[in-house]
Amino acid sequence: MTITVFTSNQPRHTALIESLAGLAETVYAVQECNTVFPGEVPDFFRRSEVMQAYFRRVIDAETEVFGRPRFAPANAVQLPIKMGDLNRLELDTLAPALQSDVYVVFGASYIRGPLCEFLIARRTYNIHMGVSPYYRGSSTNFWALYDERPQYVGATLHLLTDGLDSGPMLCHALPAADAVDPFLLGMRAVRAAHAALVHHLANGELQTMPPVPQDKRRQLRYTRNADFTDAVAAEYLDRLAPPERVRAALDARNPADFLHPFIA
């Protein structure tokens, strides 16, 4: 099997490449790169004292779950580009990566144009970090925690469409119930998403799962990157949910809220 993944360059993205490399003979990894020091280096997120404090917690949690920045496995062929440049590439540039058996998107920029059309035609799987249709847009698991709804921290595996995170859903991936720090919970949700994708690819279920359209009437919040301000981050840090409250919310999850939930 050959897999192509459109992703980014943080340790959680490298971890997905590693997981897919354990399943495939070859993985083509198109990586849109951001700084690995968010909050300290201005990039996708602004630089400020609050952002440094917030992302220090993010990086610590990511390191605990996924390790540090590192090289990809030997059977992964990488193409690093700047975040946002993907839609500017000619399809010929990506030619070797466009002959794969499976296509995955996780943490890439909004894919549009001919590449999007190509991927849609090939049943591309998108990992949306957030439980759709409840939380959609940017930093959705942060907003679920901000809204004091840890039960909606997770991920959605859905088919890629030309809309942003709006494709029909295949399943939800959820972190196991545990008394954990909210930052760690978010990274465990990413780990659950990776596990769900690899599990369902390996047993062939993902290729045959019937897609379920998203019911946007159930949406609780849609967010953009601009909504995540210093004031919002500071407020969140000041009232961070204790691990015991996180565990209680996870224990109270209603299975009916989720599609084929995969818990890991």
Protein backbone atom coordinates (compact mmCIF):
# COMPACT_ATOMS: atom_id res chain seq x y z
CA MET A 1 0.00 0.00 0.00
CA THR A 2 1.13 3.54 -0.76
CA ILE A 3 -0.28 6.46 1.25
CA THR A 4 -0.07 10.20 0.62
CA VAL A 5 -0.62 12.53 3.56
CA PHE A 6 -0.94 16.31 3.43
CA THR A 7 0.05 17.52 6.87
CA SER A 8 2.33 19.86 8.83
CA ASN A 9 5.61 19.65 10.73
CA GLN A 10 4.88 19.54 14.46
CA PRO A 11 5.67 16.33 16.40
CA ARG A 12 2.00 15.27 16.26
CA HIS A 13 2.14 15.43 12.46
CA THR A 14 5.39 13.48 12.33
CA ALA A 15 3.77 10.90 14.60
CA LEU A 16 0.98 10.40 12.08
CA ILE A 17 3.54 9.93 9.30
CA GLU A 18 5.25 7.30 11.47
CA SER A 19 1.97 5.49 12.12
CA LEU A 20 1.10 5.44 8.42
CA ALA A 21 4.64 4.32 7.58
CA GLY A 22 4.06 1.27 9.76
CA LEU A 23 1.08 0.39 7.58
CA ALA A 24 2.34 1.29 4.10
CA GLU A 25 5.32 0.43 1.98
CA THR A 26 5.77 4.10 1.10
CA VAL A 27 4.32 7.29 2.56
CA TYR A 28 4.47 10.52 0.60
CA ALA A 29 4.34 13.34 3.16
CA VAL A 30 3.62 16.83 1.87
CA GLN A 31 4.38 18.98 4.91
CA GLU A 32 3.32 22.61 5.20
CA CYS A 33 5.68 24.07 7.77
CA ASN A 34 5.17 26.48 10.65
CA THR A 35 7.48 27.38 13.50
CA VAL A 36 7.92 24.66 16.11
CA PHE A 37 8.05 27.46 18.72
CA PRO A 38 4.52 28.94 18.57
CA GLY A 39 3.97 31.91 20.84
CA GLU A 40 7.71 32.64 20.84
CA VAL A 41 8.15 33.07 17.08
CA PRO A 42 5.44 35.04 15.24
CA ASP A 43 3.83 32.80 12.63
CA PHE A 44 0.33 31.33 12.45
CA PHE A 45 -0.16 32.61 16.02
CA ARG A 46 1.05 35.99 17.25
CA ARG A 47 3.97 36.44 19.65
CA SER A 48 3.08 37.69 23.12
CA GLU A 49 3.66 36.82 26.77
CA VAL A 50 0.21 35.25 27.02
CA MET A 51 0.73 33.19 23.87
CA GLN A 52 4.13 32.06 25.17
CA ALA A 53 2.51 30.90 28.41
CA TYR A 54 -0.31 29.15 26.57
CA PHE A 55 1.85 27.41 23.98
CA ARG A 56 4.41 26.40 26.57
CA ARG A 57 1.65 24.22 28.00
CA VAL A 58 0.73 22.99 24.50
CA ILE A 59 4.32 22.07 23.68
CA ASP A 60 4.81 20.29 27.02
CA ALA A 61 1.67 18.21 26.43
CA GLU A 62 2.65 17.47 22.84
CA THR A 63 6.12 16.41 23.92
CA GLU A 64 4.67 14.05 26.53
CA VAL A 65 2.39 12.35 24.00
CA PHE A 66 4.33 12.63 20.72
CA GLY A 67 7.94 13.45 21.58
CA ARG A 68 10.08 16.19 20.05
CA PRO A 69 10.65 17.33 16.43
CA ARG A 70 12.48 14.60 14.53
CA PHE A 71 13.14 13.02 11.17
CA ALA A 72 10.49 10.89 9.48
CA PRO A 73 10.95 7.13 8.91
CA ALA A 74 13.07 5.86 6.03
CA ASN A 75 10.03 4.83 3.97
CA ALA A 76 8.52 8.33 4.14
CA VAL A 77 9.28 10.63 1.19
CA GLN A 78 8.93 14.24 2.35
CA LEU A 79 8.16 17.46 0.51
CA PRO A 80 8.44 20.42 2.92
CA ILE A 81 6.77 23.68 1.85
CA LYS A 82 5.64 26.84 3.61
CA MET A 83 2.17 26.77 5.12
CA GLY A 84 -0.29 28.13 2.58
CA ASP A 85 1.79 27.31 -0.50
CA LEU A 86 0.08 24.01 -1.28
CA ASN A 87 -2.55 25.44 -3.64
CA ARG A 88 0.14 27.30 -5.60
CA LEU A 89 1.91 24.10 -6.65
CA GLU A 90 1.33 22.63 -10.08
CA LEU A 91 -0.07 19.11 -9.89
CA ASP A 92 2.98 17.92 -11.85
CA THR A 93 5.12 18.86 -8.85
CA LEU A 94 3.14 16.42 -6.75
CA ALA A 95 2.98 13.72 -9.44
CA PRO A 96 4.71 10.89 -7.53
CA ALA A 97 2.40 11.49 -4.56
CA LEU A 98 -0.74 11.43 -6.70
CA GLN A 99 -0.53 7.74 -7.54
CA SER A 100 -1.23 6.37 -4.08
CA ASP A 101 -3.83 3.95 -2.79
CA VAL A 102 -4.91 6.15 0.14
CA TYR A 103 -4.97 9.92 0.68
CA VAL A 104 -5.10 11.63 4.08
CA VAL A 105 -5.25 15.27 5.16
CA PHE A 106 -4.30 16.31 8.70
CA GLY A 107 -3.26 19.82 9.68
CA ALA A 108 -2.80 21.13 6.13
CA SER A 109 -4.08 24.48 4.89
CA TYR A 110 -7.45 24.79 3.15
CA ILE A 111 -7.07 22.77 -0.06
CA ARG A 112 -8.75 24.25 -3.13
CA GLY A 113 -8.70 24.10 -6.94
CA PRO A 114 -7.47 21.18 -9.07
CA LEU A 115 -5.77 19.43 -6.16
CA CYS A 116 -8.98 19.50 -4.15
CA GLU A 117 -10.95 18.11 -7.10
CA PHE A 118 -8.38 15.32 -7.51
CA LEU A 119 -8.50 14.39 -3.83
CA ILE A 120 -12.29 14.46 -3.61
CA ALA A 121 -12.49 12.02 -6.52
CA ARG A 122 -10.24 9.61 -4.62
CA ARG A 123 -12.16 9.47 -1.34
CA THR A 124 -9.59 11.40 0.65
CA TYR A 125 -9.86 11.18 4.44
CA ASN A 126 -9.58 14.35 6.51
CA ILE A 127 -8.80 14.38 10.22
CA HIS A 128 -10.63 17.33 11.75
CA MET A 129 -9.44 17.98 15.29
CA GLY A 130 -12.81 18.67 16.82
CA VAL A 131 -16.07 16.79 17.12
CA SER A 132 -18.23 17.80 14.18
CA PRO A 133 -20.82 19.09 13.73
CA TYR A 134 -20.67 20.52 17.26
CA TYR A 135 -17.34 22.34 16.92
CA ARG A 136 -16.04 23.44 13.54
CA GLY A 137 -13.38 25.85 12.32
CA SER A 138 -10.07 26.67 14.01
CA SER A 139 -8.74 25.41 17.38
CA THR A 140 -12.01 23.59 17.99
CA ASN A 141 -10.89 21.45 20.92
CA PHE A 142 -9.64 24.58 22.65
CA TRP A 143 -13.10 26.12 22.25
CA ALA A 144 -14.84 23.01 23.56
CA LEU A 145 -12.71 23.30 26.69
CA TYR A 146 -13.21 27.07 26.83
CA ASP A 147 -16.97 26.40 26.78
CA GLU A 148 -16.49 23.89 29.62
CA ARG A 149 -17.51 20.95 27.45
CA PRO A 150 -14.59 18.47 27.67
CA GLN A 151 -16.99 15.77 26.49
CA TYR A 152 -16.75 17.27 22.99
CA VAL A 153 -12.95 17.10 22.81
CA GLY A 154 -12.00 14.66 20.09
CA ALA A 155 -11.66 14.33 16.32
CA THR A 156 -13.79 13.63 13.29
CA LEU A 157 -12.71 11.44 10.39
CA HIS A 158 -14.63 12.65 7.37
CA LEU A 159 -14.39 12.73 3.60
CA LEU A 160 -12.69 15.73 2.06
CA THR A 161 -14.96 18.15 0.21
CA ASP A 162 -14.48 21.66 -1.17
CA GLY A 163 -15.98 23.09 2.04
CA LEU A 164 -13.91 23.70 5.16
CA ASP A 165 -14.31 20.70 7.52
CA SER A 166 -17.83 20.19 6.16
CA GLY A 167 -17.50 16.78 4.49
CA PRO A 168 -19.68 13.80 5.38
CA MET A 169 -18.51 12.02 8.50
CA LEU A 170 -17.20 8.48 8.88
CA CYS A 171 -16.51 8.25 12.61
CA HIS A 172 -15.47 10.12 15.72
CA ALA A 173 -12.28 9.50 17.71
CA LEU A 174 -12.29 10.29 21.43
CA PRO A 175 -9.69 10.23 24.20
CA ALA A 176 -10.26 7.67 26.93
CA ALA A 177 -11.85 8.97 30.13
CA ASP A 178 -9.13 9.97 32.57
CA ALA A 179 -8.39 12.70 35.09
CA VAL A 180 -5.95 14.72 33.02
CA ASP A 181 -4.86 18.28 32.41
CA PRO A 182 -6.92 19.86 29.57
CA PHE A 183 -3.79 20.44 27.47
CA LEU A 184 -2.89 16.77 27.76
CA LEU A 185 -6.48 15.83 26.92
CA GLY A 186 -6.20 17.72 23.63
CA MET A 187 -3.07 15.81 22.64
CA ARG A 188 -4.61 12.50 23.64
CA ALA A 189 -7.48 13.37 21.31
CA VAL A 190 -4.95 13.70 18.49
CA ARG A 191 -3.46 10.34 19.42
CA ALA A 192 -6.95 8.79 19.36
CA ALA A 193 -7.51 10.23 15.87
CA HIS A 194 -4.29 8.66 14.60
CA ALA A 195 -5.22 5.33 16.17
CA ALA A 196 -8.71 5.39 14.68
CA LEU A 197 -7.41 6.18 11.20
CA VAL A 198 -4.76 3.45 11.22
CA HIS A 199 -7.10 0.88 12.79
CA HIS A 200 -9.88 1.43 10.27
CA LEU A 201 -7.47 1.56 7.33
CA ALA A 202 -5.76 -1.66 8.39
CA ASN A 203 -8.99 -3.65 8.66
CA GLY A 204 -10.51 -2.11 5.53
CA GLU A 205 -13.50 -0.59 7.31
CA LEU A 206 -12.71 3.03 6.47
CA GLN A 207 -12.92 2.32 2.76
CA THR A 208 -16.48 1.00 3.12
CA MET A 209 -17.94 3.13 5.94
CA PRO A 210 -21.06 4.94 4.70
CA PRO A 211 -20.56 8.71 4.98
CA VAL A 212 -23.06 10.63 7.11
CA PRO A 213 -23.80 14.27 6.24
CA GLN A 214 -23.15 16.80 8.99
CA ASP A 215 -26.26 18.27 10.59
CA LYS A 216 -25.25 21.91 11.06
CA ARG A 217 -28.32 22.52 13.20
CA ARG A 218 -26.35 20.76 15.96
CA GLN A 219 -23.40 23.16 15.69
CA LEU A 220 -22.42 24.77 18.98
CA ARG A 221 -19.61 27.01 17.78
CA TYR A 222 -17.76 27.91 14.58
CA THR A 223 -14.45 29.69 15.12
CA ARG A 224 -11.69 31.35 13.13
CA ASN A 225 -8.04 31.87 14.05
CA ALA A 226 -8.75 35.57 14.71
CA ASP A 227 -11.11 34.57 17.55
CA PHE A 228 -8.19 33.18 19.56
CA THR A 229 -6.91 36.40 21.14
CA ASP A 230 -4.57 37.15 24.03
CA ALA A 231 -7.59 38.03 26.17
CA VAL A 232 -9.29 34.71 25.41
CA ALA A 233 -6.10 32.72 26.08
CA ALA A 234 -5.48 34.56 29.36
CA GLU A 235 -9.04 33.95 30.54
CA TYR A 236 -8.74 30.28 29.66
CA LEU A 237 -5.50 29.88 31.59
CA ASP A 238 -7.03 31.62 34.62
CA ARG A 239 -9.95 29.21 34.84
CA LEU A 240 -8.39 26.00 33.56
CA ALA A 241 -10.54 22.99 34.41
CA PRO A 242 -9.02 20.67 37.04
CA PRO A 243 -8.38 17.05 36.00
CA GLU A 244 -11.21 15.73 38.19
CA ARG A 245 -13.76 17.91 36.38
CA VAL A 246 -12.39 16.76 33.04
CA ARG A 247 -12.81 13.12 34.08
CA ALA A 248 -16.39 13.71 35.25
CA ALA A 249 -17.32 15.27 31.90
CA LEU A 250 -15.73 12.41 29.94
CA ASP A 251 -17.51 9.82 32.08
CA ALA A 252 -20.81 11.58 31.30
CA ARG A 253 -20.37 11.48 27.51
CA ASN A 254 -23.54 10.43 25.70
CA PRO A 255 -22.67 7.76 23.09
CA ALA A 256 -25.61 8.94 20.99
CA ASP A 257 -23.76 12.21 20.35
CA PHE A 258 -21.01 10.44 18.40
CA LEU A 259 -20.72 8.46 15.17
CA HIS A 260 -19.04 5.04 15.51
CA PRO A 261 -16.95 6.38 18.42
CA PHE A 262 -13.40 5.03 18.59
CA ILE A 263 -11.97 5.55 22.08
CA ALA A 264 -8.25 5.31 22.71
